[in-house]
Protein backbone atom coordinates (compact mmCIF):
# COMPACT_ATOMS: atom_id res chain seq x y z
CA MET A 1 125.20 56.95 134.26
CA CYS A 2 125.94 59.52 137.04
CA LEU A 3 123.36 60.19 139.64
CA GLN A 4 123.34 63.76 141.15
CA MET A 5 122.37 64.36 144.75
CA ALA A 6 119.50 66.71 145.22
CA SER A 7 120.21 69.68 147.31
CA ASN A 8 118.46 72.93 148.12
CA PRO A 9 119.11 76.22 146.71
CA ASP A 10 121.41 78.64 148.38
CA TYR A 11 118.82 80.39 150.39
CA ALA A 12 121.19 82.68 152.18
CA THR A 13 122.19 84.19 148.78
CA LEU A 14 118.69 84.22 147.16
CA LEU A 15 116.71 85.81 149.93
CA PRO A 16 118.68 89.05 149.92
CA GLN A 17 118.58 89.13 146.24
CA ILE A 18 114.71 88.86 146.21
CA ALA A 19 114.45 91.67 148.82
CA ALA A 20 116.69 93.96 146.80
CA GLU A 21 115.22 93.17 143.32
CA THR A 22 112.99 95.94 141.89
CA ASP A 23 111.92 94.22 138.67
CA SER A 24 108.87 92.28 139.37
CA ASP A 25 109.65 89.64 136.59
CA ALA A 26 113.21 89.07 137.83
CA LYS A 27 112.02 89.04 141.40
CA GLN A 28 109.43 86.37 140.62
CA LEU A 29 112.13 84.17 138.84
CA LEU A 30 114.36 84.51 142.13
CA ILE A 31 111.33 83.54 144.25
CA ASN A 32 110.62 80.48 141.99
CA GLN A 33 114.33 79.58 142.41
CA CYS A 34 114.27 79.96 146.01
CA TYR A 35 111.13 78.08 147.11
CA GLN A 36 112.34 74.74 146.07
CA PHE A 37 112.81 72.20 148.90
CA ASN A 38 114.61 69.13 147.49
CA VAL A 39 115.67 67.89 150.83
CA PRO A 40 114.64 68.66 154.48
CA LEU A 41 115.84 71.94 155.64
CA SER A 42 118.63 72.24 158.06
CA GLN A 43 118.06 74.34 161.19
CA THR A 44 120.15 77.14 159.74
CA GLU A 45 117.90 77.05 156.54
CA LYS A 46 114.78 77.09 158.60
CA ASN A 47 116.01 80.16 160.55
CA LEU A 48 116.36 82.02 157.27
CA PHE A 49 112.72 81.84 156.70
CA ASN A 50 111.74 82.71 160.31
CA TYR A 51 111.57 86.12 161.76
CA ILE A 52 113.53 84.95 164.71
CA ASP A 53 116.18 82.30 165.30
CA SER A 54 114.25 79.52 166.84
CA ASP A 55 117.22 78.71 169.22
CA TYR A 56 117.09 82.45 170.31
CA ILE A 57 114.29 82.16 172.81
CA PRO A 58 114.63 79.34 175.36
CA ILE A 59 111.58 77.43 176.49
CA ASN A 60 110.83 78.49 180.06
CA TYR A 61 108.50 76.29 182.06
CA VAL A 62 108.84 78.21 185.28
CA GLY A 63 105.44 78.85 186.80
CA VAL A 64 103.51 76.73 184.30
CA VAL A 65 101.06 74.62 185.87
CA PRO A 66 99.89 71.49 184.05
């Protein structure tokens, strides 16, 4: 018996395909493929789902009074 390691879909490929798809049924199939999270997301994968790269804006505590 061979055990296959779980992995996430190729989000970098699926997300642009979803955005470009015009057929609603085909689009929903792509969405269903994409929104499967079999293992925790890497930072790169998380950034694909964000509007901005979370590493882009540094945390700036200057002037913050606790």
